[in-house]
Each structure stands twice: as structure tokens, then as C-alpha cells.
Amino acid sequence: MTTSSSLSARVAVVGSFNVDHVWRCDALPAAGATIAGRYASGAGGKGFNQAMAAARSGAATTFVCALGDDAGGALARGLAAEDGLDLRTQASDEPTGTAGIYVDAHGRNTIVIGAGANAVLDPAFLAAQEEVLASAAVLLTQLESPADTVLAALQNARQRGATTVLNPAPANAGTTTELLAQADVITPNETEFAALLARHLGERLSADDVATLDGVTLHQHCRQLFPHGTVVVTLGATGVYVSHPDEALRGDARPHYRVAAEAATVVDTTGAGDAFNGALAASLAENAASSFADHVRFANRYAALSTERAGAALAMPTRAELLARHPE
């Protein structure tokens, strides 16, 4: 099923859609505790969040996912139509994916995922979307979909010359050397980066310590983990770290550097990483000649703005809102 016949997509996102059930509490619940909170529901899932961010950042965007024949699926279709998102959906007998999210007074969150239909998205359905996916300059995917589907998406896009971006999230999802080899750029946060080091290099590093490492040491870890491509480690309030291989600096003057976090009045960090990824993909697609540092600054500003309102997919700012804050 599609909601648009457009074949002008510049960003393609393959991933998950979830109905988010959100409780806002003074503190995150501890084991055995019963606490008071305020409840709301809305659209989410890493894939949908990132697709909405890419579209609202200004890129023509296609989103490939699997949905159930239920209220959650209807919600996804309606929201995609409202934002002009080209939605390509594999039908499933499973319910549409769900997420239970707890957000504390400081904007920190804990999330529990029920995969549902997201677990059935398969490579054969991707193959049926070949025409629209072939038009994308950037392919962005995550790990809330089956691993063979993520791999097929990256392989297909790379063969067609697109820039492939893998957000290796959530941290507990498995990754293989083969999967990483198909990405041009990976975008872990500090928890996901520590998990990748442990899984692929046997390096034990606390997520809390990633941001405190000196640039040279962090660069060495990145090159060992992902020698052929660019690593972008998102570090929350401390900003972003970028590491390139020496032979592919993507327009930058240095192989590694930090970009400071943008100021924001934080309400909710849910989806901030997805905002960064979607905006990064949009910038890469729309301004291929710009330096990679320029793309990161755009994504950093976009992600910061997304934290100033509650929610996930529907909290993604528009390009006009971003330019109003950052006219230059």
C-alpha cells in the first residue's frame, strides 16, 4: 500500500512505527513502586520518528514499514498523509507496534517496545519498493526491524550509489560485521557505542565514560570499530563526536572533532536521537556538497529544538521553525 505516487524521494527510511503510550512522572518508576503520572498516547517508533524528522527538515521522504490492520495502522496512514510522507506499508496480521514510555521531570526516559508488525517487515517487500527506493540519495535505517531486512535495505541502497546511514539502536539489538560493512555512516549514542565496542572488539567501556574520553582515544576506538566509514556519536548534553577515516573526510578539515550541544529548554528528550538522524539524512540528501560538519550542525540544532516540546514523531520541528531559531 502507498499513500503517494511520488517517485521524487531523496531520503528513504526503512524501519518501525509504534503507537507510544507515555506516562510523565516526577521520577522514573523503580521496581515494585506504584507512582502517579500523566498519560498520553501518540505516534512513534524510531523509523517513523526519523522519517518525520527528515520530511519536516525539508527532504522529500519515503518511509517503508509494516503495519497492522488496526487503529495504530490507521494512525500511521493518517499522519503520513498530513505531512506528505510517502508511506509504503507491508500488511501484517500482527498488531501495529507499541511502546511504553516513562518520562521524568528532567526529560529522561525509559522505554519498553512491543514489536508487533515491525517484526514481519521482510526483504521481499523491500524488493517490491525498488523503484521508489532507487530515487533516494540517502537511505536511513535502524534496528527495530528484522536484521535481514535492514541488511537488504543497506545493500540495495549502496548498490545504487546512495549514502547509507545506520542508526544502531536500540543498544541491545544485534549487529554483525556484514551489517556494519554496508553502512557509510553509523550514528550510535554513547550507550549504543559502548555496546558496539563490547560486541565487536571485546572492549569494555562504560557508556558514562564515552563522552569523557579524549578525542584521540575515541577516534582510535571508532577506527577499530568502523574502519571504512564515518562514526557520529551523539552524546546528549555534551554534543556530538565525529570520526572519519583519513582517506574520506567528507569535506571536513580534520579526521575527528566535537560539535557542542545547542542550547535548549528541555521538556522531553524522547525522540531527540531520531530527530538528529532524520535531520542529518535530510541535510546529506539536500546539500551533498556541504562539509559533513555543516550537516552535523544542522542536525544538532534540529534535535535540540525537538526537545522543547513533548512527544516523539509529532514533536519534530518544521524547517521554518528551525530557521526562525537559526536564520543563518
Protein backbone atom coordinates (compact mmCIF):
# COMPACT_ATOMS: atom_id res chain seq x y z
CA MET A 1 0.00 0.00 0.00
CA THR A 2 1.14 3.57 -0.63
CA THR A 3 -0.20 6.98 0.26
CA SER A 4 1.57 8.76 -2.58
CA SER A 5 2.58 8.04 -6.15
CA SER A 6 5.58 10.36 -5.92
CA LEU A 7 8.90 8.92 -7.05
CA SER A 8 10.91 12.03 -6.12
CA ALA A 9 12.07 10.82 -2.71
CA ARG A 10 15.54 11.99 -1.74
CA VAL A 11 15.54 10.24 1.66
CA ALA A 12 14.28 6.71 2.20
CA VAL A 13 13.74 5.46 5.73
CA VAL A 14 13.20 1.77 6.44
CA GLY A 15 12.04 1.00 9.95
CA SER A 16 9.44 0.82 12.67
CA PHE A 17 6.18 2.50 13.55
CA ASN A 18 4.88 2.30 17.12
CA VAL A 19 1.93 3.66 18.99
CA ASP A 20 3.56 5.33 22.00
CA HIS A 21 1.89 5.10 25.43
CA VAL A 22 3.57 7.79 27.52
CA TRP A 23 3.49 8.36 31.28
CA ARG A 24 5.04 11.57 32.66
CA CYS A 25 6.19 11.18 36.25
CA ASP A 26 8.27 13.13 38.74
CA ALA A 27 10.76 10.24 38.78
CA LEU A 28 11.19 7.08 36.71
CA PRO A 29 9.44 4.13 38.42
CA ALA A 30 11.58 1.76 40.48
CA ALA A 31 10.92 -1.97 40.74
CA GLY A 32 7.84 -2.65 42.86
CA ALA A 33 6.82 1.02 43.00
CA THR A 34 3.40 2.48 42.23
CA ILE A 35 3.60 6.16 41.33
CA ALA A 36 1.33 8.86 39.94
CA GLY A 37 1.75 10.13 36.40
CA ARG A 38 0.03 11.82 33.48
CA TYR A 39 -0.81 9.65 30.45
CA ALA A 40 -0.89 10.41 26.74
CA SER A 41 -0.55 8.39 23.55
CA GLY A 42 0.78 9.24 20.11
CA ALA A 43 2.84 8.14 17.14
CA GLY A 44 6.42 6.94 17.47
CA GLY A 45 8.86 4.19 16.55
CA LYS A 46 12.42 5.02 15.56
CA GLY A 47 11.73 4.64 11.86
CA PHE A 48 8.63 6.85 11.84
CA ASN A 49 10.25 9.45 14.09
CA GLN A 50 13.24 9.66 11.77
CA ALA A 51 11.09 9.77 8.65
CA MET A 52 9.01 12.60 10.09
CA ALA A 53 12.17 14.46 11.05
CA ALA A 54 13.59 14.07 7.54
CA ALA A 55 10.34 15.22 5.93
CA ARG A 56 9.85 18.18 8.26
CA SER A 57 13.51 19.12 7.78
CA GLY A 58 12.72 19.68 4.13
CA ALA A 59 13.56 16.44 2.29
CA ALA A 60 11.10 14.50 0.14
CA THR A 61 10.90 11.30 2.18
CA THR A 62 9.66 7.75 1.71
CA PHE A 63 9.02 5.56 4.73
CA VAL A 64 8.89 1.76 4.41
CA CYS A 65 7.36 -0.14 7.33
CA ALA A 66 4.88 -2.86 8.38
CA LEU A 67 1.52 -2.06 9.99
CA GLY A 68 -1.35 -3.99 11.48
CA ASP A 69 -4.96 -3.64 10.33
CA ASP A 70 -5.93 -1.70 13.45
CA ALA A 71 -6.21 1.76 14.95
CA GLY A 72 -2.43 2.10 15.15
CA GLY A 73 -2.07 1.40 11.45
CA ALA A 74 -4.80 3.91 10.65
CA LEU A 75 -2.98 6.49 12.80
CA ALA A 76 0.25 5.97 10.83
CA ARG A 77 -1.50 6.34 7.49
CA GLY A 78 -3.34 9.47 8.54
CA LEU A 79 -0.29 11.21 9.94
CA ALA A 80 1.83 10.31 6.92
CA ALA A 81 -0.78 11.81 4.61
CA GLU A 82 -0.93 15.01 6.66
CA ASP A 83 2.85 15.52 6.43
CA GLY A 84 3.26 14.47 2.81
CA LEU A 85 5.27 11.42 3.80
CA ASP A 86 5.34 8.75 1.07
CA LEU A 87 4.29 5.70 3.09
CA ARG A 88 4.96 2.17 1.82
CA THR A 89 3.40 -0.39 4.15
CA GLN A 90 3.61 -4.16 4.37
CA ALA A 91 0.31 -5.52 5.73
CA SER A 92 0.52 -7.74 8.81
CA ASP A 93 -1.83 -9.88 10.89
CA GLU A 94 0.17 -8.78 13.92
CA PRO A 95 -0.91 -5.65 15.80
CA THR A 96 0.85 -2.41 14.98
CA GLY A 97 3.96 -1.95 17.14
CA THR A 98 3.65 -0.33 20.56
CA ALA A 99 5.96 1.35 23.08
CA GLY A 100 5.53 2.11 26.78
CA ILE A 101 7.48 5.26 27.68
CA TYR A 102 8.11 6.80 31.10
CA VAL A 103 9.46 10.37 31.17
CA ASP A 104 10.68 12.02 34.39
CA ALA A 105 10.71 15.67 35.44
CA HIS A 106 14.18 16.13 33.90
CA GLY A 107 13.12 14.82 30.48
CA ARG A 108 14.89 11.46 30.89
CA ASN A 109 13.07 8.38 29.69
CA THR A 110 12.74 4.60 29.93
CA ILE A 111 11.12 2.71 27.03
CA VAL A 112 9.66 -0.79 26.58
CA ILE A 113 8.92 -1.93 22.99
CA GLY A 114 6.35 -4.42 21.69
CA ALA A 115 7.48 -5.14 18.11
CA GLY A 116 4.18 -6.45 16.70
CA ALA A 117 4.02 -5.84 12.94
CA ASN A 118 7.51 -4.36 12.91
CA ALA A 119 8.91 -7.89 13.29
CA VAL A 120 7.46 -9.06 9.96
CA LEU A 121 8.89 -6.41 7.61
CA ASP A 122 10.78 -8.55 5.10
CA PRO A 123 13.31 -8.21 2.25
CA ALA A 124 10.74 -9.34 -0.34
CA PHE A 125 8.55 -6.34 0.45
CA LEU A 126 11.59 -4.06 0.14
CA ALA A 127 12.29 -5.53 -3.29
CA ALA A 128 8.77 -4.56 -4.36
CA GLN A 129 9.60 -0.93 -3.46
CA GLU A 130 12.73 -0.92 -5.61
CA GLU A 131 11.58 1.87 -7.95
CA VAL A 132 10.94 4.43 -5.23
CA LEU A 133 13.93 3.41 -3.13
CA ALA A 134 16.18 3.78 -6.17
CA SER A 135 15.44 7.52 -6.27
CA ALA A 136 16.79 8.14 -2.77
CA ALA A 137 20.10 9.93 -2.25
CA VAL A 138 20.23 8.74 1.38
CA LEU A 139 18.96 5.52 2.97
CA LEU A 140 18.44 5.66 6.75
CA THR A 141 17.59 2.63 8.86
CA GLN A 142 17.71 1.39 12.46
CA LEU A 143 17.48 -1.92 14.35
CA GLU A 144 13.80 -2.13 15.35
CA SER A 145 13.18 -4.17 12.18
CA PRO A 146 14.43 -7.70 11.35
CA ALA A 147 18.19 -7.83 10.78
CA ASP A 148 17.91 -9.42 7.32
CA THR A 149 15.59 -6.62 6.22
CA VAL A 150 17.93 -3.92 7.50
CA LEU A 151 20.83 -5.61 5.72
CA ALA A 152 18.86 -5.88 2.46
CA ALA A 153 17.93 -2.20 2.62
CA LEU A 154 21.54 -1.12 3.12
CA GLN A 155 22.84 -3.43 0.39
CA ASN A 156 20.24 -2.29 -2.13
CA ALA A 157 20.88 1.39 -1.46
CA ARG A 158 24.66 1.03 -1.61
CA GLN A 159 24.49 -0.79 -4.93
CA ARG A 160 22.56 2.18 -6.32
CA GLY A 161 25.06 4.74 -5.05
CA ALA A 162 23.04 6.17 -2.15
CA THR A 163 24.68 7.23 1.09
CA THR A 164 23.72 4.64 3.71
CA VAL A 165 23.19 5.68 7.32
CA LEU A 166 22.69 3.09 10.06
CA ASN A 167 21.45 4.18 13.47
CA PRO A 168 22.48 1.11 15.54
CA ALA A 169 19.63 1.45 18.02
CA PRO A 170 18.43 0.14 20.34
CA ALA A 171 21.69 -0.82 22.02
CA ASN A 172 20.61 -4.39 22.78
CA ALA A 173 19.85 -5.18 19.12
CA GLY A 174 22.40 -7.43 17.46
CA THR A 175 24.80 -6.20 14.79
CA THR A 176 27.16 -8.16 12.57
CA THR A 177 30.33 -7.24 10.73
CA GLU A 178 28.41 -7.78 7.49
CA LEU A 179 25.72 -5.31 8.55
CA LEU A 180 28.21 -2.61 9.55
CA ALA A 181 30.10 -3.09 6.29
CA GLN A 182 27.06 -1.94 4.30
CA ALA A 183 26.80 1.44 6.08
CA ASP A 184 28.68 4.57 5.09
CA VAL A 185 27.81 6.35 8.34
CA ILE A 186 26.81 4.96 11.74
CA THR A 187 25.19 7.13 14.42
CA PRO A 188 25.26 5.48 17.86
CA ASN A 189 24.62 7.31 21.11
CA GLU A 190 27.05 6.67 23.97
CA THR A 191 25.17 3.57 25.20
CA GLU A 192 24.98 2.09 21.71
CA PHE A 193 28.63 2.92 21.04
CA ALA A 194 29.73 1.13 24.21
CA ALA A 195 27.60 -1.88 23.21
CA LEU A 196 29.19 -1.96 19.74
CA LEU A 197 32.70 -1.85 21.21
CA ALA A 198 31.89 -4.73 23.53
CA ARG A 199 30.22 -6.81 20.82
CA HIS A 200 32.72 -6.32 18.01
CA LEU A 201 36.03 -5.55 19.74
CA GLY A 202 35.64 -7.04 23.21
CA GLU A 203 36.34 -3.56 24.60
CA ARG A 204 34.60 -2.89 27.91
CA LEU A 205 33.75 0.78 28.28
CA SER A 206 31.05 2.34 30.40
CA ALA A 207 28.54 4.42 28.45
CA ASP A 208 29.03 7.18 31.02
CA ASP A 209 32.74 7.29 30.18
CA VAL A 210 32.37 7.68 26.39
CA ALA A 211 31.87 11.46 26.49
CA THR A 212 34.87 11.94 28.81
CA LEU A 213 37.39 10.18 26.56
CA ASP A 214 39.93 12.41 24.86
CA GLY A 215 39.42 12.89 21.14
CA VAL A 216 42.39 10.81 20.03
CA THR A 217 41.40 7.77 22.10
CA LEU A 218 37.79 7.99 20.97
CA HIS A 219 38.96 8.27 17.35
CA GLN A 220 41.08 5.13 17.76
CA HIS A 221 38.06 3.22 19.06
CA CYS A 222 35.96 4.46 16.14
CA ARG A 223 38.56 3.44 13.56
CA GLN A 224 38.88 -0.03 15.04
CA LEU A 225 35.13 -0.50 15.14
CA PHE A 226 34.24 1.01 11.77
CA PRO A 227 37.41 1.44 9.69
CA HIS A 228 35.79 2.21 6.34
CA GLY A 229 33.23 4.86 7.29
CA THR A 230 32.18 7.79 9.44
CA VAL A 231 31.13 7.38 13.06
CA VAL A 232 28.88 10.02 14.64
CA VAL A 233 28.50 9.51 18.39
CA THR A 234 25.65 11.54 19.85
CA LEU A 235 26.46 12.50 23.43
CA GLY A 236 23.32 14.24 24.66
CA ALA A 237 24.04 17.41 26.61
CA THR A 238 27.76 17.25 25.74
CA GLY A 239 27.18 17.38 21.99
CA VAL A 240 28.38 15.16 19.14
CA TYR A 241 31.68 13.48 18.28
CA VAL A 242 32.62 12.76 14.64
CA SER A 243 35.33 10.36 13.40
CA HIS A 244 36.24 9.88 9.72
CA PRO A 245 38.77 7.57 8.09
CA ASP A 246 41.77 9.59 6.93
CA GLU A 247 41.04 8.87 3.27
CA ALA A 248 37.40 10.02 3.40
CA LEU A 249 36.91 13.23 5.39
CA ARG A 250 33.59 14.11 3.69
CA GLY A 251 34.60 17.72 3.15
CA ASP A 252 35.92 18.24 6.67
CA ALA A 253 39.37 19.60 7.52
CA ARG A 254 40.02 17.15 10.34
CA PRO A 255 39.51 13.39 10.78
CA HIS A 256 37.87 13.82 14.18
CA TYR A 257 36.26 16.63 16.17
CA ARG A 258 33.47 17.54 18.58
CA VAL A 259 30.44 19.72 17.98
CA ALA A 260 28.99 21.32 21.10
CA ALA A 261 25.38 20.80 22.09
CA GLU A 262 22.90 23.51 21.19
CA ALA A 263 21.12 25.39 23.96
CA ALA A 264 17.56 24.24 24.57
CA THR A 265 14.87 24.47 27.24
CA VAL A 266 14.39 20.72 27.57
CA VAL A 267 10.88 19.35 28.08
CA ASP A 268 11.27 15.80 26.76
CA THR A 269 14.30 14.02 25.26
CA THR A 270 12.17 11.21 23.77
CA GLY A 271 12.97 11.07 20.07
CA ALA A 272 15.87 13.54 20.20
CA GLY A 273 18.26 11.00 18.70
CA ASP A 274 15.72 10.23 15.99
CA ALA A 275 15.36 13.95 15.28
CA PHE A 276 19.14 14.15 14.83
CA ASN A 277 19.23 11.18 12.47
CA GLY A 278 16.33 12.34 10.31
CA ALA A 279 17.71 15.86 10.01
CA LEU A 280 21.21 14.53 9.24
CA ALA A 281 19.80 12.36 6.44
CA ALA A 282 17.81 15.31 5.05
CA SER A 283 20.84 17.59 5.09
CA LEU A 284 23.05 14.97 3.43
CA ALA A 285 20.46 14.48 0.69
CA GLU A 286 19.73 18.14 0.06
CA ASN A 287 23.24 19.61 0.34
CA ALA A 288 25.66 16.95 -0.82
CA ALA A 289 28.44 19.47 -1.47
CA SER A 290 28.48 20.83 2.10
CA SER A 291 31.03 19.71 4.65
CA PHE A 292 29.99 16.92 6.98
CA ALA A 293 30.42 19.32 9.90
CA ASP A 294 27.72 21.54 8.38
CA HIS A 295 25.35 18.56 8.20
CA VAL A 296 26.07 17.72 11.84
CA ARG A 297 25.45 21.30 12.98
CA PHE A 298 22.11 21.33 11.15
CA ALA A 299 21.09 18.03 12.76
CA ASN A 300 22.32 19.15 16.18
CA ARG A 301 20.20 22.30 16.06
CA TYR A 302 17.19 20.38 14.86
CA ALA A 303 17.50 17.76 17.62
CA ALA A 304 17.86 20.43 20.31
CA LEU A 305 14.69 22.16 19.13
CA SER A 306 12.81 18.85 19.19
CA THR A 307 13.42 18.51 22.95
CA GLU A 308 11.48 21.70 23.70
CA ARG A 309 8.11 20.01 23.24
CA ALA A 310 6.63 16.76 24.48
CA GLY A 311 6.26 13.71 22.29
CA ALA A 312 8.17 11.89 19.57
CA ALA A 313 7.12 11.96 15.90
CA LEU A 314 4.73 14.89 16.28
CA ALA A 315 7.31 16.86 18.29
CA MET A 316 9.57 17.09 15.24
CA PRO A 317 10.03 20.76 14.27
CA THR A 318 9.39 22.08 10.79
CA ARG A 319 12.16 23.59 8.72
CA ALA A 320 10.50 27.00 9.14
CA GLU A 321 10.62 26.65 12.93
CA LEU A 322 14.29 25.74 12.78
CA LEU A 323 15.14 28.67 10.53
CA ALA A 324 13.24 31.01 12.82
CA ARG A 325 15.56 29.95 15.65
CA HIS A 326 18.70 29.77 13.48
CA PRO A 327 18.30 32.12 10.48
CA GLU A 328 21.87 31.71 9.25
